[in-house]
C-alpha atoms as a PDB file:
ATOM      1  CA  UNK A   1       0.000   0.000   0.000  1.00  0.00           C
ATOM      2  CA  UNK A   2       1.126   3.570  -0.564  1.00  0.00           C
ATOM      3  CA  UNK A   3       1.558   5.855   2.412  1.00  0.00           C
ATOM      4  CA  UNK A   4       0.711   9.545   2.231  1.00  0.00           C
ATOM      5  CA  UNK A   5       3.456  11.709   3.689  1.00  0.00           C
ATOM      6  CA  UNK A   6       2.132  15.131   4.677  1.00  0.00           C
ATOM      7  CA  UNK A   7       4.562  18.018   4.887  1.00  0.00           C
ATOM      8  CA  UNK A   8       3.925  19.989   8.024  1.00  0.00           C
ATOM      9  CA  UNK A   9       3.965  23.343   6.361  1.00  0.00           C
ATOM     10  CA  UNK A  10       1.629  26.292   6.045  1.00  0.00           C
ATOM     11  CA  UNK A  11       0.581  25.008   2.640  1.00  0.00           C
ATOM     12  CA  UNK A  12      -0.339  21.583   4.032  1.00  0.00           C
ATOM     13  CA  UNK A  13       1.050  19.856   0.928  1.00  0.00           C
ATOM     14  CA  UNK A  14       0.773  16.059   0.803  1.00  0.00           C
ATOM     15  CA  UNK A  15       3.196  13.975  -1.202  1.00  0.00           C
ATOM     16  CA  UNK A  16       2.718  10.340  -2.179  1.00  0.00           C
ATOM     17  CA  UNK A  17       5.556   8.104  -1.057  1.00  0.00           C
ATOM     18  CA  UNK A  18       7.168   5.746  -3.549  1.00  0.00           C
ATOM     19  CA  UNK A  19       8.134   3.434  -0.666  1.00  0.00           C
ATOM     20  CA  UNK A  20       5.694   0.537  -0.250  1.00  0.00           C
ATOM     21  CA  UNK A  21       4.565  -0.362   3.274  1.00  0.00           C
ATOM     22  CA  UNK A  22       4.387  -4.125   3.767  1.00  0.00           C
ATOM     23  CA  UNK A  23       2.234  -6.129   6.188  1.00  0.00           C
ATOM     24  CA  UNK A  24       1.913  -9.830   6.911  1.00  0.00           C
ATOM     25  CA  UNK A  25      -1.044  -9.943   4.539  1.00  0.00           C
ATOM     26  CA  UNK A  26       0.663  -8.206   1.622  1.00  0.00           C
ATOM     27  CA  UNK A  27       4.269  -9.357   2.018  1.00  0.00           C
ATOM     28  CA  UNK A  28       4.533 -12.400  -0.280  1.00  0.00           C
ATOM     29  CA  UNK A  29       2.211 -11.033  -2.988  1.00  0.00           C
ATOM     30  CA  UNK A  30       3.984  -7.683  -3.150  1.00  0.00           C
ATOM     31  CA  UNK A  31       7.436  -9.262  -3.374  1.00  0.00           C
ATOM     32  CA  UNK A  32       6.461 -11.163  -6.512  1.00  0.00           C
ATOM     33  CA  UNK A  33       5.097  -8.120  -8.343  1.00  0.00           C
ATOM     34  CA  UNK A  34       8.541  -6.679  -9.088  1.00  0.00           C
ATOM     35  CA  UNK A  35      11.736  -8.335 -10.269  1.00  0.00           C
ATOM     36  CA  UNK A  36      13.556  -6.971  -7.227  1.00  0.00           C
ATOM     37  CA  UNK A  37      12.402  -5.462  -3.933  1.00  0.00           C
ATOM     38  CA  UNK A  38      14.641  -3.838  -1.347  1.00  0.00           C
ATOM     39  CA  UNK A  39      12.919  -4.151   2.032  1.00  0.00           C
ATOM     40  CA  UNK A  40      13.885  -2.254   5.164  1.00  0.00           C
ATOM     41  CA  UNK A  41      12.797  -3.682   8.521  1.00  0.00           C
ATOM     42  CA  UNK A  42      12.652  -0.821  10.998  1.00  0.00           C
ATOM     43  CA  UNK A  43      11.049   0.875  13.977  1.00  0.00           C
ATOM     44  CA  UNK A  44       9.659   4.449  13.873  1.00  0.00           C
ATOM     45  CA  UNK A  45      11.434   5.393  17.118  1.00  0.00           C
ATOM     46  CA  UNK A  46      14.891   4.323  15.910  1.00  0.00           C
ATOM     47  CA  UNK A  47      17.122   7.241  14.846  1.00  0.00           C
ATOM     48  CA  UNK A  48      19.181   5.210  12.360  1.00  0.00           C
ATOM     49  CA  UNK A  49      15.876   3.887  10.963  1.00  0.00           C
ATOM     50  CA  UNK A  50      14.715   7.451  10.344  1.00  0.00           C
ATOM     51  CA  UNK A  51      17.928   8.218   8.441  1.00  0.00           C
ATOM     52  CA  UNK A  52      17.487   5.078   6.346  1.00  0.00           C
ATOM     53  CA  UNK A  53      13.853   5.982   5.602  1.00  0.00           C
ATOM     54  CA  UNK A  54      14.953   9.339   4.179  1.00  0.00           C
ATOM     55  CA  UNK A  55      17.484   7.631   1.897  1.00  0.00           C
ATOM     56  CA  UNK A  56      14.871   5.051   0.883  1.00  0.00           C
ATOM     57  CA  UNK A  57      12.464   7.801  -0.213  1.00  0.00           C
ATOM     58  CA  UNK A  58      15.097   9.302  -2.501  1.00  0.00           C
ATOM     59  CA  UNK A  59      16.136   5.904  -3.861  1.00  0.00           C
ATOM     60  CA  UNK A  60      12.528   4.836  -4.466  1.00  0.00           C
ATOM     61  CA  UNK A  61      11.820   7.942  -6.515  1.00  0.00           C
ATOM     62  CA  UNK A  62      14.986   7.456  -8.589  1.00  0.00           C
ATOM     63  CA  UNK A  63      14.233   3.781  -9.207  1.00  0.00           C
ATOM     64  CA  UNK A  64      10.609   4.481 -10.126  1.00  0.00           C
ATOM     65  CA  UNK A  65      11.771   6.879 -12.832  1.00  0.00           C
ATOM     66  CA  UNK A  66      14.763   4.949 -14.163  1.00  0.00           C
ATOM     67  CA  UNK A  67      14.347   1.296 -13.135  1.00  0.00           C
ATOM     68  CA  UNK A  68      10.658   0.483 -12.516  1.00  0.00           C
ATOM     69  CA  UNK A  69      11.288  -3.280 -12.133  1.00  0.00           C
ATOM     70  CA  UNK A  70      12.763  -2.476  -8.714  1.00  0.00           C
ATOM     71  CA  UNK A  71      10.687  -1.482  -5.681  1.00  0.00           C
ATOM     72  CA  UNK A  72      11.638  -0.082  -2.281  1.00  0.00           C
ATOM     73  CA  UNK A  73       9.545  -1.247   0.673  1.00  0.00           C
ATOM     74  CA  UNK A  74       9.514  -1.156   4.461  1.00  0.00           C
ATOM     75  CA  UNK A  75       8.143  -3.136   7.383  1.00  0.00           C
ATOM     76  CA  UNK A  76       7.291  -1.573  10.742  1.00  0.00           C
ATOM     77  CA  UNK A  77       8.551  -4.185  13.203  1.00  0.00           C
ATOM     78  CA  UNK A  78       6.605  -2.630  16.081  1.00  0.00           C
ATOM     79  CA  UNK A  79       3.343  -3.415  14.278  1.00  0.00           C
ATOM     80  CA  UNK A  80       4.488  -6.526  12.368  1.00  0.00           C
ATOM     81  CA  UNK A  81       6.347  -8.448  15.069  1.00  0.00           C
ATOM     82  CA  UNK A  82       5.469 -11.888  13.687  1.00  0.00           C
ATOM     83  CA  UNK A  83       6.571 -10.931  10.179  1.00  0.00           C
ATOM     84  CA  UNK A  84       9.892  -9.578  11.448  1.00  0.00           C
ATOM     85  CA  UNK A  85      10.427 -12.715  13.503  1.00  0.00           C
ATOM     86  CA  UNK A  86       9.717 -14.865  10.456  1.00  0.00           C
ATOM     87  CA  UNK A  87      12.249 -12.801   8.505  1.00  0.00           C
ATOM     88  CA  UNK A  88      14.796 -13.507  11.272  1.00  0.00           C
ATOM     89  CA  UNK A  89      15.373  -9.827  12.045  1.00  0.00           C
ATOM     90  CA  UNK A  90      17.818  -9.446  14.930  1.00  0.00           C
ATOM     91  CA  UNK A  91      18.623  -5.709  14.824  1.00  0.00           C
ATOM     92  CA  UNK A  92      17.064  -2.560  13.400  1.00  0.00           C
ATOM     93  CA  UNK A  93      17.263  -1.323  10.796  1.00  0.00           C
ATOM     94  CA  UNK A  94      17.932  -4.371   8.627  1.00  0.00           C
ATOM     95  CA  UNK A  95      17.857  -4.272   4.849  1.00  0.00           C
ATOM     96  CA  UNK A  96      16.930  -7.392   2.900  1.00  0.00           C
ATOM     97  CA  UNK A  97      16.881  -7.794  -0.857  1.00  0.00           C
ATOM     98  CA  UNK A  98      14.204 -10.029  -2.371  1.00  0.00           C
ATOM     99  CA  UNK A  99      14.274 -11.270  -5.941  1.00  0.00           C
ATOM    100  CA  UNK A 100      11.159 -12.845  -7.421  1.00  0.00           C
ATOM    101  CA  UNK A 101      12.209 -16.142  -8.985  1.00  0.00           C
ATOM    102  CA  UNK A 102       9.377 -18.216 -10.433  1.00  0.00           C
ATOM    103  CA  UNK A 103       6.984 -16.309  -8.130  1.00  0.00           C
ATOM    104  CA  UNK A 104       9.176 -17.136  -5.115  1.00  0.00           C
ATOM    105  CA  UNK A 105      10.646 -14.187  -3.177  1.00  0.00           C
ATOM    106  CA  UNK A 106      14.255 -15.013  -2.316  1.00  0.00           C
ATOM    107  CA  UNK A 107      16.247 -12.899   0.104  1.00  0.00           C
ATOM    108  CA  UNK A 108      19.927 -12.070   0.295  1.00  0.00           C
ATOM    109  CA  UNK A 109      21.493 -12.223   3.757  1.00  0.00           C
ATOM    110  CA  UNK A 110      22.600  -8.831   5.240  1.00  0.00           C
ATOM    111  CA  UNK A 111      26.207 -10.092   5.308  1.00  0.00           C
ATOM    112  CA  UNK A 112      25.863 -10.820   1.606  1.00  0.00           C
ATOM    113  CA  UNK A 113      25.047  -7.175   0.904  1.00  0.00           C
ATOM    114  CA  UNK A 114      28.365  -6.153   2.428  1.00  0.00           C
ATOM    115  CA  UNK A 115      30.157  -8.550   0.083  1.00  0.00           C
ATOM    116  CA  UNK A 116      28.368  -6.778  -2.778  1.00  0.00           C
ATOM    117  CA  UNK A 117      30.008  -3.529  -1.722  1.00  0.00           C
ATOM    118  CA  UNK A 118      27.050  -2.192   0.262  1.00  0.00           C
ATOM    119  CA  UNK A 119      28.279  -0.140   3.221  1.00  0.00           C
ATOM    120  CA  UNK A 120      26.646  -0.196   6.630  1.00  0.00           C
ATOM    121  CA  UNK A 121      25.631   3.442   6.130  1.00  0.00           C
ATOM    122  CA  UNK A 122      22.858   2.902   3.594  1.00  0.00           C
ATOM    123  CA  UNK A 123      22.557   5.812   1.164  1.00  0.00           C
ATOM    124  CA  UNK A 124      20.189   6.469  -1.733  1.00  0.00           C
ATOM    125  CA  UNK A 125      23.035   6.062  -4.232  1.00  0.00           C
ATOM    126  CA  UNK A 126      24.116   2.864  -2.493  1.00  0.00           C
ATOM    127  CA  UNK A 127      20.608   1.401  -2.672  1.00  0.00           C
ATOM    128  CA  UNK A 128      20.290   2.234  -6.368  1.00  0.00           C
ATOM    129  CA  UNK A 129      23.726   0.733  -7.067  1.00  0.00           C
ATOM    130  CA  UNK A 130      22.889  -2.409  -5.080  1.00  0.00           C
ATOM    131  CA  UNK A 131      19.760  -2.927  -7.180  1.00  0.00           C
ATOM    132  CA  UNK A 132      21.793  -2.502 -10.363  1.00  0.00           C
ATOM    133  CA  UNK A 133      24.423  -5.004  -9.191  1.00  0.00           C
ATOM    134  CA  UNK A 134      21.868  -7.686  -8.369  1.00  0.00           C
ATOM    135  CA  UNK A 135      19.954  -7.162 -11.620  1.00  0.00           C
ATOM    136  CA  UNK A 136      23.169  -7.412 -13.642  1.00  0.00           C
ATOM    137  CA  UNK A 137      23.610 -11.020 -12.465  1.00  0.00           C
ATOM    138  CA  UNK A 138      26.051 -10.230  -9.700  1.00  0.00           C
ATOM    139  CA  UNK A 139      23.587 -11.890  -7.319  1.00  0.00           C
ATOM    140  CA  UNK A 140      25.632 -15.098  -7.184  1.00  0.00           C
ATOM    141  CA  UNK A 141      28.579 -13.025  -5.941  1.00  0.00           C
ATOM    142  CA  UNK A 142      26.318 -11.552  -3.241  1.00  0.00           C
ATOM    143  CA  UNK A 143      24.876 -14.801  -1.932  1.00  0.00           C
ATOM    144  CA  UNK A 144      26.226 -16.180   1.306  1.00  0.00           C
ATOM    145  CA  UNK A 145      26.984 -19.644   0.014  1.00  0.00           C
ATOM    146  CA  UNK A 146      28.990 -22.650   1.123  1.00  0.00           C
ATOM    147  CA  UNK A 147      31.029 -24.961  -1.092  1.00  0.00           C
ATOM    148  CA  UNK A 148      29.073 -27.453  -3.257  1.00  0.00           C
ATOM    149  CA  UNK A 149      29.464 -31.015  -2.036  1.00  0.00           C
ATOM    150  CA  UNK A 150      28.054 -34.424  -2.900  1.00  0.00           C
ATOM    151  CA  UNK A 151      27.490 -36.741   0.060  1.00  0.00           C
ATOM    152  CA  UNK A 152      27.885 -40.482  -0.417  1.00  0.00           C
ATOM    153  CA  UNK A 153      25.631 -42.760   1.628  1.00  0.00           C
ATOM    154  CA  UNK A 154      26.125 -46.461   1.040  1.00  0.00           C
ATOM    155  CA  UNK A 155      27.219 -45.702  -2.510  1.00  0.00           C
ATOM    156  CA  UNK A 156      24.217 -43.431  -3.231  1.00  0.00           C
ATOM    157  CA  UNK A 157      24.709 -39.712  -3.852  1.00  0.00           C
ATOM    158  CA  UNK A 158      22.634 -37.081  -2.044  1.00  0.00           C
ATOM    159  CA  UNK A 159      22.947 -33.360  -2.623  1.00  0.00           C
ATOM    160  CA  UNK A 160      24.362 -31.087   0.063  1.00  0.00           C
ATOM    161  CA  UNK A 161      22.935 -27.823  -1.224  1.00  0.00           C
ATOM    162  CA  UNK A 162      24.481 -24.380  -1.225  1.00  0.00           C
ATOM    163  CA  UNK A 163      22.728 -21.095  -1.935  1.00  0.00           C
ATOM    164  CA  UNK A 164      24.127 -20.643  -5.453  1.00  0.00           C
ATOM    165  CA  UNK A 165      22.769 -24.039  -6.528  1.00  0.00           C
ATOM    166  CA  UNK A 166      19.472 -23.951  -4.627  1.00  0.00           C
ATOM    167  CA  UNK A 167      17.191 -22.706  -7.408  1.00  0.00           C
ATOM    168  CA  UNK A 168      18.405 -25.193 -10.006  1.00  0.00           C
ATOM    169  CA  UNK A 169      18.014 -28.157  -7.652  1.00  0.00           C
ATOM    170  CA  UNK A 170      14.972 -27.378  -5.512  1.00  0.00           C
ATOM    171  CA  UNK A 171      12.896 -25.371  -7.989  1.00  0.00           C
ATOM    172  CA  UNK A 172      13.152 -28.003 -10.716  1.00  0.00           C
ATOM    173  CA  UNK A 173       9.546 -28.227 -12.020  1.00  0.00           C
ATOM    174  CA  UNK A 174      10.011 -31.876 -12.996  1.00  0.00           C
ATOM    175  CA  UNK A 175      10.666 -33.175  -9.488  1.00  0.00           C
ATOM    176  CA  UNK A 176       9.382 -33.009  -5.935  1.00  0.00           C
ATOM    177  CA  UNK A 177      12.271 -32.142  -3.626  1.00  0.00           C
ATOM    178  CA  UNK A 178      12.672 -33.180  -0.005  1.00  0.00           C
ATOM    179  CA  UNK A 179      15.096 -30.822   1.701  1.00  0.00           C
ATOM    180  CA  UNK A 180      16.461 -30.763   5.254  1.00  0.00           C
ATOM    181  CA  UNK A 181      17.647 -27.438   6.649  1.00  0.00           C
ATOM    182  CA  UNK A 182      20.097 -27.746   9.519  1.00  0.00           C
ATOM    183  CA  UNK A 183      22.782 -26.038  11.605  1.00  0.00           C
ATOM    184  CA  UNK A 184      25.726 -28.279  12.531  1.00  0.00           C
ATOM    185  CA  UNK A 185      25.820 -27.175  16.171  1.00  0.00           C
ATOM    186  CA  UNK A 186      22.133 -27.800  16.873  1.00  0.00           C
ATOM    187  CA  UNK A 187      21.363 -30.868  19.041  1.00  0.00           C
ATOM    188  CA  UNK A 188      20.159 -33.910  17.129  1.00  0.00           C
ATOM    189  CA  UNK A 189      21.323 -32.623  13.746  1.00  0.00           C
ATOM    190  CA  UNK A 190      23.578 -35.571  12.925  1.00  0.00           C
ATOM    191  CA  UNK A 191      20.872 -38.149  13.676  1.00  0.00           C
ATOM    192  CA  UNK A 192      18.270 -36.301  11.581  1.00  0.00           C
ATOM    193  CA  UNK A 193      20.622 -36.005   8.609  1.00  0.00           C
ATOM    194  CA  UNK A 194      21.367 -39.716   8.829  1.00  0.00           C
ATOM    195  CA  UNK A 195      17.629 -40.414   8.650  1.00  0.00           C
ATOM    196  CA  UNK A 196      17.252 -38.095   5.638  1.00  0.00           C
ATOM    197  CA  UNK A 197      20.145 -39.854   3.900  1.00  0.00           C
ATOM    198  CA  UNK A 198      18.441 -43.197   4.482  1.00  0.00           C
ATOM    199  CA  UNK A 199      15.272 -41.773   2.944  1.00  0.00           C
ATOM    200  CA  UNK A 200      17.298 -40.757  -0.110  1.00  0.00           C
ATOM    201  CA  UNK A 201      18.758 -44.248  -0.385  1.00  0.00           C
ATOM    202  CA  UNK A 202      15.355 -45.932  -0.200  1.00  0.00           C
ATOM    203  CA  UNK A 203      13.868 -43.583  -2.798  1.00  0.00           C
ATOM    204  CA  UNK A 204      16.761 -43.524  -5.264  1.00  0.00           C
ATOM    205  CA  UNK A 205      14.768 -45.327  -7.958  1.00  0.00           C
ATOM    206  CA  UNK A 206      12.125 -42.571  -8.067  1.00  0.00           C
ATOM    207  CA  UNK A 207      13.061 -40.077 -10.789  1.00  0.00           C
ATOM    208  CA  UNK A 208      10.418 -37.638  -9.577  1.00  0.00           C
ATOM    209  CA  UNK A 209      11.859 -37.311  -6.051  1.00  0.00           C
ATOM    210  CA  UNK A 210      15.120 -35.543  -5.188  1.00  0.00           C
ATOM    211  CA  UNK A 211      16.579 -35.250  -1.695  1.00  0.00           C
ATOM    212  CA  UNK A 212      18.983 -32.624  -0.393  1.00  0.00           C
ATOM    213  CA  UNK A 213      20.129 -30.770   2.714  1.00  0.00           C
ATOM    214  CA  UNK A 214      21.372 -27.250   3.450  1.00  0.00           C
ATOM    215  CA  UNK A 215      23.474 -25.751   6.251  1.00  0.00           C
ATOM    216  CA  UNK A 216      21.626 -22.521   7.148  1.00  0.00           C
ATOM    217  CA  UNK A 217      24.609 -21.203   9.102  1.00  0.00           C
ATOM    218  CA  UNK A 218      26.572 -20.902   5.840  1.00  0.00           C
ATOM    219  CA  UNK A 219      23.917 -20.265   3.209  1.00  0.00           C
ATOM    220  CA  UNK A 220      21.103 -17.844   2.420  1.00  0.00           C
ATOM    221  CA  UNK A 221      17.672 -19.483   2.595  1.00  0.00           C
ATOM    222  CA  UNK A 222      14.649 -18.440   0.464  1.00  0.00           C
ATOM    223  CA  UNK A 223      12.029 -16.642   2.530  1.00  0.00           C
ATOM    224  CA  UNK A 224       9.282 -19.194   1.877  1.00  0.00           C
ATOM    225  CA  UNK A 225      11.138 -21.617   4.150  1.00  0.00           C
ATOM    226  CA  UNK A 226      10.732 -20.946   7.877  1.00  0.00           C
ATOM    227  CA  UNK A 227      13.965 -22.150   9.484  1.00  0.00           C
ATOM    228  CA  UNK A 228      13.667 -20.518  12.888  1.00  0.00           C
ATOM    229  CA  UNK A 229      13.405 -23.989  14.443  1.00  0.00           C
ATOM    230  CA  UNK A 230      15.973 -26.534  13.294  1.00  0.00           C
ATOM    231  CA  UNK A 231      16.260 -29.103  11.899  1.00  0.00           C
ATOM    232  CA  UNK A 232      13.465 -28.285   9.458  1.00  0.00           C
ATOM    233  CA  UNK A 233      12.335 -30.603   6.665  1.00  0.00           C
ATOM    234  CA  UNK A 234      10.236 -29.471   3.705  1.00  0.00           C
ATOM    235  CA  UNK A 235       8.829 -30.974   0.541  1.00  0.00           C
ATOM    236  CA  UNK A 236       8.809 -28.622  -2.457  1.00  0.00           C
ATOM    237  CA  UNK A 237       6.188 -30.071  -4.879  1.00  0.00           C
ATOM    238  CA  UNK A 238       6.621 -29.842  -8.646  1.00  0.00           C
ATOM    239  CA  UNK A 239       3.832 -27.319  -9.072  1.00  0.00           C
ATOM    240  CA  UNK A 240       4.085 -25.633  -5.672  1.00  0.00           C
ATOM    241  CA  UNK A 241       7.625 -24.345  -5.262  1.00  0.00           C
ATOM    242  CA  UNK A 242       6.297 -21.128  -3.731  1.00  0.00           C
ATOM    243  CA  UNK A 243       4.341 -23.102  -1.104  1.00  0.00           C
ATOM    244  CA  UNK A 244       6.621 -25.835   0.290  1.00  0.00           C
ATOM    245  CA  UNK A 245       5.081 -28.244   2.810  1.00  0.00           C
ATOM    246  CA  UNK A 246       6.746 -28.658   6.199  1.00  0.00           C
ATOM    247  CA  UNK A 247       7.222 -32.086   7.749  1.00  0.00           C
ATOM    248  CA  UNK A 248       5.949 -32.048  11.345  1.00  0.00           C
ATOM    249  CA  UNK A 249       6.268 -35.678  12.477  1.00  0.00           C
ATOM    250  CA  UNK A 250       9.100 -37.616  14.155  1.00  0.00           C
ATOM    251  CA  UNK A 251      12.491 -37.690  12.452  1.00  0.00           C
ATOM    252  CA  UNK A 252      12.484 -41.365  11.480  1.00  0.00           C
ATOM    253  CA  UNK A 253      13.181 -42.540   7.942  1.00  0.00           C
ATOM    254  CA  UNK A 254      10.117 -44.797   7.521  1.00  0.00           C
ATOM    255  CA  UNK A 255       7.818 -42.140   8.962  1.00  0.00           C
ATOM    256  CA  UNK A 256       9.244 -39.595   6.530  1.00  0.00           C
ATOM    257  CA  UNK A 257       8.856 -42.004   3.604  1.00  0.00           C
ATOM    258  CA  UNK A 258       5.190 -42.602   4.449  1.00  0.00           C
ATOM    259  CA  UNK A 259       4.679 -38.852   4.672  1.00  0.00           C
ATOM    260  CA  UNK A 260       6.306 -38.302   1.273  1.00  0.00           C
ATOM    261  CA  UNK A 261       4.090 -41.054  -0.182  1.00  0.00           C
ATOM    262  CA  UNK A 262       0.998 -39.166   1.007  1.00  0.00           C
ATOM    263  CA  UNK A 263       2.253 -35.684   0.159  1.00  0.00           C
ATOM    264  CA  UNK A 264       4.295 -35.909  -3.045  1.00  0.00           C
ATOM    265  CA  UNK A 265       2.967 -35.106  -6.508  1.00  0.00           C
ATOM    266  CA  UNK A 266       3.652 -38.460  -8.091  1.00  0.00           C
ATOM    267  CA  UNK A 267       0.913 -41.116  -8.233  1.00  0.00           C
ATOM    268  CA  UNK A 268       2.007 -44.113 -10.283  1.00  0.00           C
ATOM    269  CA  UNK A 269       5.253 -44.646  -8.377  1.00  0.00           C
ATOM    270  CA  UNK A 270       3.606 -44.296  -4.975  1.00  0.00           C
ATOM    271  CA  UNK A 271       2.567 -47.954  -4.743  1.00  0.00           C
ATOM    272  CA  UNK A 272       6.209 -49.026  -4.925  1.00  0.00           C
ATOM    273  CA  UNK A 273       7.155 -47.343  -1.633  1.00  0.00           C
END
């Protein structure tokens, strides 16, 4: 939604802001309307947030005139506490960059923005330049991403995903993808990953099912995946990559296989599980 900014002057002039205000209800839809959206998570009472807002207004006007595929948006974390928690906001202000890929908003980690040359003092020129860098395919250089690795489990290969390879593997429209998000230091991680690897081994003959895992401590994670509680296991269906389904049962390989059999897109192969 657009916010009207009224100048407190004798003329009482009102100017329309080019910065979009996001809420929990509008967040996902709005982020898929533009190729790129720069989102600031802030609080009205924060002085550094106020400075960023002023720079965002200038940047939004420049981008609207010269690069309309990019939007500037903001989230008030005092009003949208759940949304800011879901976005894993730890300090204010925080800037996140979302790129709409196949109708899926994907964010770049704040540390990634620094690797793109974005300073901690966000300026209008810096925001415009950041948008240009990401749009010119420098995004892979900005992603916080680990080193690609293939894991071998009893002779069968499973994919240990990194951010730069995530889209090609998980968003493959010809396969359902079971993916485990983890952090190495979290309790129970090793056991859960062993169970996921066993699932991959038992399902290796199914061409329509791929299995992978991702270390969230070393890689940027698309926003549609809620990884606040780890380990987290999701199934990304062939036709529903923007609405992955979270596994909520016990972390046991046979239980996961039965869940996949009930949840996955495939039908003809299901009887073989």
